[in-house]
mmCIF file of all heavy atoms, coordinates in Angstrom:
data_MODEL
# 
_entry.id   MODEL 
# 
loop_
_atom_site.group_PDB 
_atom_site.id 
_atom_site.type_symbol 
_atom_site.label_atom_id 
_atom_site.label_alt_id 
_atom_site.label_comp_id 
_atom_site.label_asym_id 
_atom_site.label_entity_id 
_atom_site.label_seq_id 
_atom_site.pdbx_PDB_ins_code 
_atom_site.Cartn_x 
_atom_site.Cartn_y 
_atom_site.Cartn_z 
_atom_site.occupancy 
_atom_site.B_iso_or_equiv 
_atom_site.pdbx_formal_charge 
_atom_site.auth_seq_id 
_atom_site.auth_comp_id 
_atom_site.auth_asym_id 
_atom_site.auth_atom_id 
_atom_site.pdbx_PDB_model_num 
ATOM 1   N N   . THR A 1 1  ? 14.299 49.623 120.485 1.00 0.00 ? 1  THR A N   1 
ATOM 2   C CA  . THR A 1 1  ? 13.551 48.635 121.247 1.00 0.00 ? 1  THR A CA  1 
ATOM 3   C C   . THR A 1 1  ? 13.920 47.117 121.115 1.00 0.00 ? 1  THR A C   1 
ATOM 4   O O   . THR A 1 1  ? 13.469 46.394 121.953 1.00 0.00 ? 1  THR A O   1 
ATOM 5   C CB  . THR A 1 1  ? 12.066 48.732 120.821 1.00 0.00 ? 1  THR A CB  1 
ATOM 6   O OG1 . THR A 1 1  ? 11.879 48.513 119.473 1.00 0.00 ? 1  THR A OG1 1 
ATOM 7   C CG2 . THR A 1 1  ? 11.509 50.215 121.190 1.00 0.00 ? 1  THR A CG2 1 
ATOM 8   N N   . ALA A 1 2  ? 14.686 46.783 120.099 1.00 0.00 ? 2  ALA A N   1 
ATOM 9   C CA  . ALA A 1 2  ? 14.962 45.356 119.871 1.00 0.00 ? 2  ALA A CA  1 
ATOM 10  C C   . ALA A 1 2  ? 15.949 44.706 120.873 1.00 0.00 ? 2  ALA A C   1 
ATOM 11  O O   . ALA A 1 2  ? 15.775 43.651 121.360 1.00 0.00 ? 2  ALA A O   1 
ATOM 12  C CB  . ALA A 1 2  ? 15.465 45.080 118.495 1.00 0.00 ? 2  ALA A CB  1 
ATOM 13  N N   . LEU A 1 3  ? 17.078 45.420 121.094 1.00 0.00 ? 3  LEU A N   1 
ATOM 14  C CA  . LEU A 1 3  ? 18.125 44.861 122.014 1.00 0.00 ? 3  LEU A CA  1 
ATOM 15  C C   . LEU A 1 3  ? 18.640 45.853 122.979 1.00 0.00 ? 3  LEU A C   1 
ATOM 16  O O   . LEU A 1 3  ? 18.703 47.104 122.651 1.00 0.00 ? 3  LEU A O   1 
ATOM 17  C CB  . LEU A 1 3  ? 19.341 44.372 121.078 1.00 0.00 ? 3  LEU A CB  1 
ATOM 18  C CG  . LEU A 1 3  ? 18.993 43.176 120.167 1.00 0.00 ? 3  LEU A CG  1 
ATOM 19  C CD1 . LEU A 1 3  ? 20.026 42.997 119.160 1.00 0.00 ? 3  LEU A CD1 1 
ATOM 20  C CD2 . LEU A 1 3  ? 18.705 41.937 120.964 1.00 0.00 ? 3  LEU A CD2 1 
ATOM 21  N N   . THR A 1 4  ? 19.005 45.449 124.122 1.00 0.00 ? 4  THR A N   1 
ATOM 22  C CA  . THR A 1 4  ? 19.685 46.379 125.123 1.00 0.00 ? 4  THR A CA  1 
ATOM 23  C C   . THR A 1 4  ? 21.055 46.442 124.922 1.00 0.00 ? 4  THR A C   1 
ATOM 24  O O   . THR A 1 4  ? 21.586 45.577 124.163 1.00 0.00 ? 4  THR A O   1 
ATOM 25  C CB  . THR A 1 4  ? 19.350 45.903 126.530 1.00 0.00 ? 4  THR A CB  1 
ATOM 26  O OG1 . THR A 1 4  ? 20.081 44.622 126.779 1.00 0.00 ? 4  THR A OG1 1 
ATOM 27  C CG2 . THR A 1 4  ? 17.873 45.679 126.825 1.00 0.00 ? 4  THR A CG2 1 
ATOM 28  N N   . THR A 1 5  ? 21.682 47.439 125.484 1.00 0.00 ? 5  THR A N   1 
ATOM 29  C CA  . THR A 1 5  ? 23.153 47.504 125.438 1.00 0.00 ? 5  THR A CA  1 
ATOM 30  C C   . THR A 1 5  ? 23.809 46.250 125.888 1.00 0.00 ? 5  THR A C   1 
ATOM 31  O O   . THR A 1 5  ? 24.823 45.710 125.395 1.00 0.00 ? 5  THR A O   1 
ATOM 32  C CB  . THR A 1 5  ? 23.669 48.818 126.077 1.00 0.00 ? 5  THR A CB  1 
ATOM 33  O OG1 . THR A 1 5  ? 23.013 49.883 125.528 1.00 0.00 ? 5  THR A OG1 1 
ATOM 34  C CG2 . THR A 1 5  ? 25.213 48.931 126.047 1.00 0.00 ? 5  THR A CG2 1 
ATOM 35  N N   . ALA A 1 6  ? 23.219 45.733 127.052 1.00 0.00 ? 6  ALA A N   1 
ATOM 36  C CA  . ALA A 1 6  ? 23.824 44.488 127.661 1.00 0.00 ? 6  ALA A CA  1 
ATOM 37  C C   . ALA A 1 6  ? 23.622 43.376 126.666 1.00 0.00 ? 6  ALA A C   1 
ATOM 38  O O   . ALA A 1 6  ? 24.532 42.479 126.581 1.00 0.00 ? 6  ALA A O   1 
ATOM 39  C CB  . ALA A 1 6  ? 23.020 44.195 128.918 1.00 0.00 ? 6  ALA A CB  1 
ATOM 40  N N   . ASP A 1 7  ? 22.492 43.229 125.971 1.00 0.00 ? 7  ASP A N   1 
ATOM 41  C CA  . ASP A 1 7  ? 22.331 42.242 124.988 1.00 0.00 ? 7  ASP A CA  1 
ATOM 42  C C   . ASP A 1 7  ? 23.405 42.281 123.941 1.00 0.00 ? 7  ASP A C   1 
ATOM 43  O O   . ASP A 1 7  ? 24.050 41.246 123.566 1.00 0.00 ? 7  ASP A O   1 
ATOM 44  C CB  . ASP A 1 7  ? 20.986 42.337 124.259 1.00 0.00 ? 7  ASP A CB  1 
ATOM 45  C CG  . ASP A 1 7  ? 19.737 42.076 125.049 1.00 0.00 ? 7  ASP A CG  1 
ATOM 46  O OD1 . ASP A 1 7  ? 19.846 41.264 126.117 1.00 0.00 ? 7  ASP A OD1 1 
ATOM 47  O OD2 . ASP A 1 7  ? 18.725 42.633 124.829 1.00 0.00 ? 7  ASP A OD2 1 
ATOM 48  N N   . LEU A 1 8  ? 23.596 43.399 123.442 1.00 0.00 ? 8  LEU A N   1 
ATOM 49  C CA  . LEU A 1 8  ? 24.566 43.679 122.309 1.00 0.00 ? 8  LEU A CA  1 
ATOM 50  C C   . LEU A 1 8  ? 25.949 43.314 122.740 1.00 0.00 ? 8  LEU A C   1 
ATOM 51  O O   . LEU A 1 8  ? 26.742 42.615 122.057 1.00 0.00 ? 8  LEU A O   1 
ATOM 52  C CB  . LEU A 1 8  ? 24.502 45.109 121.806 1.00 0.00 ? 8  LEU A CB  1 
ATOM 53  C CG  . LEU A 1 8  ? 23.241 45.426 121.035 1.00 0.00 ? 8  LEU A CG  1 
ATOM 54  C CD1 . LEU A 1 8  ? 23.077 46.934 120.949 1.00 0.00 ? 8  LEU A CD1 1 
ATOM 55  C CD2 . LEU A 1 8  ? 23.224 44.789 119.688 1.00 0.00 ? 8  LEU A CD2 1 
ATOM 56  N N   . THR A 1 9  ? 26.350 43.733 123.973 1.00 0.00 ? 9  THR A N   1 
ATOM 57  C CA  . THR A 1 9  ? 27.656 43.470 124.471 1.00 0.00 ? 9  THR A CA  1 
ATOM 58  C C   . THR A 1 9  ? 27.848 41.943 124.668 1.00 0.00 ? 9  THR A C   1 
ATOM 59  O O   . THR A 1 9  ? 28.900 41.508 124.221 1.00 0.00 ? 9  THR A O   1 
ATOM 60  C CB  . THR A 1 9  ? 27.888 44.195 125.765 1.00 0.00 ? 9  THR A CB  1 
ATOM 61  O OG1 . THR A 1 9  ? 27.732 45.594 125.570 1.00 0.00 ? 9  THR A OG1 1 
ATOM 62  C CG2 . THR A 1 9  ? 29.329 43.946 126.338 1.00 0.00 ? 9  THR A CG2 1 
ATOM 63  N N   . THR A 1 10 ? 26.884 41.292 125.073 1.00 0.00 ? 10 THR A N   1 
ATOM 64  C CA  . THR A 1 10 ? 26.986 39.808 125.231 1.00 0.00 ? 10 THR A CA  1 
ATOM 65  C C   . THR A 1 10 ? 27.072 39.174 123.920 1.00 0.00 ? 10 THR A C   1 
ATOM 66  O O   . THR A 1 10 ? 27.890 38.165 123.708 1.00 0.00 ? 10 THR A O   1 
ATOM 67  C CB  . THR A 1 10 ? 25.734 39.233 126.035 1.00 0.00 ? 10 THR A CB  1 
ATOM 68  O OG1 . THR A 1 10 ? 25.656 39.874 127.261 1.00 0.00 ? 10 THR A OG1 1 
ATOM 69  C CG2 . THR A 1 10 ? 25.786 37.784 126.096 1.00 0.00 ? 10 THR A CG2 1 
ATOM 70  N N   . LEU A 1 11 ? 26.337 39.571 122.885 1.00 0.00 ? 11 LEU A N   1 
ATOM 71  C CA  . LEU A 1 11 ? 26.260 38.985 121.583 1.00 0.00 ? 11 LEU A CA  1 
ATOM 72  C C   . LEU A 1 11 ? 27.414 39.257 120.700 1.00 0.00 ? 11 LEU A C   1 
ATOM 73  O O   . LEU A 1 11 ? 27.955 38.385 120.022 1.00 0.00 ? 11 LEU A O   1 
ATOM 74  C CB  . LEU A 1 11 ? 25.005 39.252 120.883 1.00 0.00 ? 11 LEU A CB  1 
ATOM 75  C CG  . LEU A 1 11 ? 23.713 38.799 121.620 1.00 0.00 ? 11 LEU A CG  1 
ATOM 76  C CD1 . LEU A 1 11 ? 22.488 39.447 121.114 1.00 0.00 ? 11 LEU A CD1 1 
ATOM 77  C CD2 . LEU A 1 11 ? 23.590 37.259 121.562 1.00 0.00 ? 11 LEU A CD2 1 
ATOM 78  N N   . ILE A 1 12 ? 27.836 40.495 120.609 1.00 0.00 ? 12 ILE A N   1 
ATOM 79  C CA  . ILE A 1 12 ? 28.909 40.855 119.676 1.00 0.00 ? 12 ILE A CA  1 
ATOM 80  C C   . ILE A 1 12 ? 30.012 41.729 120.242 1.00 0.00 ? 12 ILE A C   1 
ATOM 81  O O   . ILE A 1 12 ? 30.962 42.138 119.429 1.00 0.00 ? 12 ILE A O   1 
ATOM 82  C CB  . ILE A 1 12 ? 28.253 41.728 118.501 1.00 0.00 ? 12 ILE A CB  1 
ATOM 83  C CG1 . ILE A 1 12 ? 27.701 43.070 118.891 1.00 0.00 ? 12 ILE A CG1 1 
ATOM 84  C CG2 . ILE A 1 12 ? 27.226 40.879 117.709 1.00 0.00 ? 12 ILE A CG2 1 
ATOM 85  C CD1 . ILE A 1 12 ? 27.276 44.048 117.771 1.00 0.00 ? 12 ILE A CD1 1 
ATOM 86  N N   . GLY A 1 13 ? 29.989 41.920 121.557 1.00 0.00 ? 13 GLY A N   1 
ATOM 87  C CA  . GLY A 1 13 ? 31.078 42.641 122.164 1.00 0.00 ? 13 GLY A CA  1 
ATOM 88  C C   . GLY A 1 13 ? 30.627 44.238 122.138 1.00 0.00 ? 13 GLY A C   1 
ATOM 89  O O   . GLY A 1 13 ? 29.479 44.512 121.904 1.00 0.00 ? 13 GLY A O   1 
ATOM 90  N N   . THR A 1 14 ? 31.589 45.011 122.513 1.00 0.00 ? 14 THR A N   1 
ATOM 91  C CA  . THR A 1 14 ? 31.244 46.515 122.510 1.00 0.00 ? 14 THR A CA  1 
ATOM 92  C C   . THR A 1 14 ? 30.755 46.960 121.134 1.00 0.00 ? 14 THR A C   1 
ATOM 93  O O   . THR A 1 14 ? 31.516 46.858 120.104 1.00 0.00 ? 14 THR A O   1 
ATOM 94  C CB  . THR A 1 14 ? 32.361 47.363 122.954 1.00 0.00 ? 14 THR A CB  1 
ATOM 95  O OG1 . THR A 1 14 ? 32.825 46.825 124.213 1.00 0.00 ? 14 THR A OG1 1 
ATOM 96  C CG2 . THR A 1 14 ? 32.087 48.822 123.026 1.00 0.00 ? 14 THR A CG2 1 
ATOM 97  N N   . PRO A 1 15 ? 29.476 47.419 121.073 1.00 0.00 ? 15 PRO A N   1 
ATOM 98  C CA  . PRO A 1 15 ? 28.973 47.874 119.729 1.00 0.00 ? 15 PRO A CA  1 
ATOM 99  C C   . PRO A 1 15 ? 29.300 49.236 119.344 1.00 0.00 ? 15 PRO A C   1 
ATOM 100 O O   . PRO A 1 15 ? 29.491 50.171 120.255 1.00 0.00 ? 15 PRO A O   1 
ATOM 101 C CB  . PRO A 1 15 ? 27.462 47.661 119.855 1.00 0.00 ? 15 PRO A CB  1 
ATOM 102 C CG  . PRO A 1 15 ? 27.193 47.982 121.370 1.00 0.00 ? 15 PRO A CG  1 
ATOM 103 C CD  . PRO A 1 15 ? 28.406 47.480 122.105 1.00 0.00 ? 15 PRO A CD  1 
ATOM 104 N N   . ASN A 1 16 ? 29.417 49.521 118.043 1.00 0.00 ? 16 ASN A N   1 
ATOM 105 C CA  . ASN A 1 16 ? 29.267 50.953 117.601 1.00 0.00 ? 16 ASN A CA  1 
ATOM 106 C C   . ASN A 1 16 ? 27.913 51.397 117.783 1.00 0.00 ? 16 ASN A C   1 
ATOM 107 O O   . ASN A 1 16 ? 26.949 50.638 117.989 1.00 0.00 ? 16 ASN A O   1 
ATOM 108 C CB  . ASN A 1 16 ? 29.743 50.951 116.081 1.00 0.00 ? 16 ASN A CB  1 
ATOM 109 C CG  . ASN A 1 16 ? 31.199 50.938 115.828 1.00 0.00 ? 16 ASN A CG  1 
ATOM 110 O OD1 . ASN A 1 16 ? 31.952 51.391 116.654 1.00 0.00 ? 16 ASN A OD1 1 
ATOM 111 N ND2 . ASN A 1 16 ? 31.656 50.260 114.741 1.00 0.00 ? 16 ASN A ND2 1 
ATOM 112 N N   . PRO A 1 17 ? 27.680 52.770 117.619 1.00 0.00 ? 17 PRO A N   1 
ATOM 113 C CA  . PRO A 1 17 ? 26.330 53.261 117.610 1.00 0.00 ? 17 PRO A CA  1 
ATOM 114 C C   . PRO A 1 17 ? 25.531 52.612 116.535 1.00 0.00 ? 17 PRO A C   1 
ATOM 115 O O   . PRO A 1 17 ? 26.014 52.263 115.484 1.00 0.00 ? 17 PRO A O   1 
ATOM 116 C CB  . PRO A 1 17 ? 26.503 54.803 117.269 1.00 0.00 ? 17 PRO A CB  1 
ATOM 117 C CG  . PRO A 1 17 ? 27.879 55.088 117.785 1.00 0.00 ? 17 PRO A CG  1 
ATOM 118 C CD  . PRO A 1 17 ? 28.680 53.813 117.538 1.00 0.00 ? 17 PRO A CD  1 
ATOM 119 N N   . PRO A 1 18 ? 24.279 52.307 116.817 1.00 0.00 ? 18 PRO A N   1 
ATOM 120 C CA  . PRO A 1 18 ? 23.411 51.619 115.779 1.00 0.00 ? 18 PRO A CA  1 
ATOM 121 C C   . PRO A 1 18 ? 23.204 52.486 114.521 1.00 0.00 ? 18 PRO A C   1 
ATOM 122 O O   . PRO A 1 18 ? 23.281 53.644 114.566 1.00 0.00 ? 18 PRO A O   1 
ATOM 123 C CB  . PRO A 1 18 ? 22.079 51.414 116.556 1.00 0.00 ? 18 PRO A CB  1 
ATOM 124 C CG  . PRO A 1 18 ? 22.015 52.444 117.498 1.00 0.00 ? 18 PRO A CG  1 
ATOM 125 C CD  . PRO A 1 18 ? 23.498 52.727 117.932 1.00 0.00 ? 18 PRO A CD  1 
ATOM 126 N N   . THR A 1 19 ? 22.977 51.766 113.426 1.00 0.00 ? 19 THR A N   1 
ATOM 127 C CA  . THR A 1 19 ? 22.659 52.363 112.118 1.00 0.00 ? 19 THR A CA  1 
ATOM 128 C C   . THR A 1 19 ? 21.246 52.129 111.785 1.00 0.00 ? 19 THR A C   1 
ATOM 129 O O   . THR A 1 19 ? 20.916 50.959 111.379 1.00 0.00 ? 19 THR A O   1 
ATOM 130 C CB  . THR A 1 19 ? 23.675 51.892 111.107 1.00 0.00 ? 19 THR A CB  1 
ATOM 131 O OG1 . THR A 1 19 ? 24.963 51.994 111.495 1.00 0.00 ? 19 THR A OG1 1 
ATOM 132 C CG2 . THR A 1 19 ? 23.468 52.501 109.730 1.00 0.00 ? 19 THR A CG2 1 
ATOM 133 N N   . PRO A 1 20 ? 20.353 53.037 111.910 1.00 0.00 ? 20 PRO A N   1 
ATOM 134 C CA  . PRO A 1 20 ? 18.887 52.870 111.528 1.00 0.00 ? 20 PRO A CA  1 
ATOM 135 C C   . PRO A 1 20 ? 18.826 52.951 110.063 1.00 0.00 ? 20 PRO A C   1 
ATOM 136 O O   . PRO A 1 20 ? 19.464 53.819 109.435 1.00 0.00 ? 20 PRO A O   1 
ATOM 137 C CB  . PRO A 1 20 ? 18.220 53.837 112.339 1.00 0.00 ? 20 PRO A CB  1 
ATOM 138 C CG  . PRO A 1 20 ? 19.179 55.007 112.573 1.00 0.00 ? 20 PRO A CG  1 
ATOM 139 C CD  . PRO A 1 20 ? 20.592 54.349 112.624 1.00 0.00 ? 20 PRO A CD  1 
ATOM 140 N N   . SER A 1 21 ? 17.859 52.342 109.473 1.00 0.00 ? 21 SER A N   1 
ATOM 141 C CA  . SER A 1 21 ? 17.432 52.570 108.150 1.00 0.00 ? 21 SER A CA  1 
ATOM 142 C C   . SER A 1 21 ? 16.002 52.064 107.919 1.00 0.00 ? 21 SER A C   1 
ATOM 143 O O   . SER A 1 21 ? 15.385 51.545 108.858 1.00 0.00 ? 21 SER A O   1 
ATOM 144 C CB  . SER A 1 21 ? 18.325 51.750 107.112 1.00 0.00 ? 21 SER A CB  1 
ATOM 145 O OG  . SER A 1 21 ? 18.322 50.403 107.414 1.00 0.00 ? 21 SER A OG  1 
ATOM 146 N N   . ASP A 1 22 ? 15.508 52.285 106.737 1.00 0.00 ? 22 ASP A N   1 
ATOM 147 C CA  . ASP A 1 22 ? 14.080 51.862 106.467 1.00 0.00 ? 22 ASP A CA  1 
ATOM 148 C C   . ASP A 1 22 ? 14.200 51.256 105.057 1.00 0.00 ? 22 ASP A C   1 
ATOM 149 O O   . ASP A 1 22 ? 14.815 51.750 104.163 1.00 0.00 ? 22 ASP A O   1 
ATOM 150 C CB  . ASP A 1 22 ? 13.204 53.083 106.487 1.00 0.00 ? 22 ASP A CB  1 
ATOM 151 C CG  . ASP A 1 22 ? 11.716 52.728 106.509 1.00 0.00 ? 22 ASP A CG  1 
ATOM 152 O OD1 . ASP A 1 22 ? 11.423 51.749 107.266 1.00 0.00 ? 22 ASP A OD1 1 
ATOM 153 O OD2 . ASP A 1 22 ? 10.871 53.408 105.979 1.00 0.00 ? 22 ASP A OD2 1 
ATOM 154 N N   . ASN A 1 23 ? 13.553 50.103 104.979 1.00 0.00 ? 23 ASN A N   1 
ATOM 155 C CA  . ASN A 1 23 ? 13.555 49.422 103.627 1.00 0.00 ? 23 ASN A CA  1 
ATOM 156 C C   . ASN A 1 23 ? 12.114 48.965 103.277 1.00 0.00 ? 23 ASN A C   1 
ATOM 157 O O   . ASN A 1 23 ? 11.240 49.311 103.985 1.00 0.00 ? 23 ASN A O   1 
ATOM 158 C CB  . ASN A 1 23 ? 14.490 48.197 103.577 1.00 0.00 ? 23 ASN A CB  1 
ATOM 159 C CG  . ASN A 1 23 ? 14.240 47.113 104.619 1.00 0.00 ? 23 ASN A CG  1 
ATOM 160 O OD1 . ASN A 1 23 ? 13.051 46.811 104.805 1.00 0.00 ? 23 ASN A OD1 1 
ATOM 161 N ND2 . ASN A 1 23 ? 15.210 46.542 105.259 1.00 0.00 ? 23 ASN A ND2 1 
ATOM 162 N N   . ALA A 1 24 ? 11.955 48.176 102.258 1.00 0.00 ? 24 ALA A N   1 
ATOM 163 C CA  . ALA A 1 24 ? 10.648 47.849 101.681 1.00 0.00 ? 24 ALA A CA  1 
ATOM 164 C C   . ALA A 1 24 ? 9.921  47.023 102.823 1.00 0.00 ? 24 ALA A C   1 
ATOM 165 O O   . ALA A 1 24 ? 8.645  46.947 102.756 1.00 0.00 ? 24 ALA A O   1 
ATOM 166 C CB  . ALA A 1 24 ? 10.693 47.139 100.401 1.00 0.00 ? 24 ALA A CB  1 
ATOM 167 N N   . ALA A 1 25 ? 10.561 46.279 103.609 1.00 0.00 ? 25 ALA A N   1 
ATOM 168 C CA  . ALA A 1 25 ? 10.008 45.479 104.660 1.00 0.00 ? 25 ALA A CA  1 
ATOM 169 C C   . ALA A 1 25 ? 9.521  46.247 105.843 1.00 0.00 ? 25 ALA A C   1 
ATOM 170 O O   . ALA A 1 25 ? 8.604  45.880 106.486 1.00 0.00 ? 25 ALA A O   1 
ATOM 171 C CB  . ALA A 1 25 ? 10.840 44.275 104.977 1.00 0.00 ? 25 ALA A CB  1 
ATOM 172 N N   . GLY A 1 26 ? 10.325 47.282 106.193 1.00 0.00 ? 26 GLY A N   1 
ATOM 173 C CA  . GLY A 1 26 ? 10.014 47.996 107.433 1.00 0.00 ? 26 GLY A CA  1 
ATOM 174 C C   . GLY A 1 26 ? 11.320 48.636 107.988 1.00 0.00 ? 26 GLY A C   1 
ATOM 175 O O   . GLY A 1 26 ? 12.351 48.559 107.345 1.00 0.00 ? 26 GLY A O   1 
# 
């Protein structure tokens, strides 16, 4: 939900698949 593929491409170029995780903050 945070960023669209278009957002990611604009910001960092073609992205790898995302890496989800969970930490003490969320």
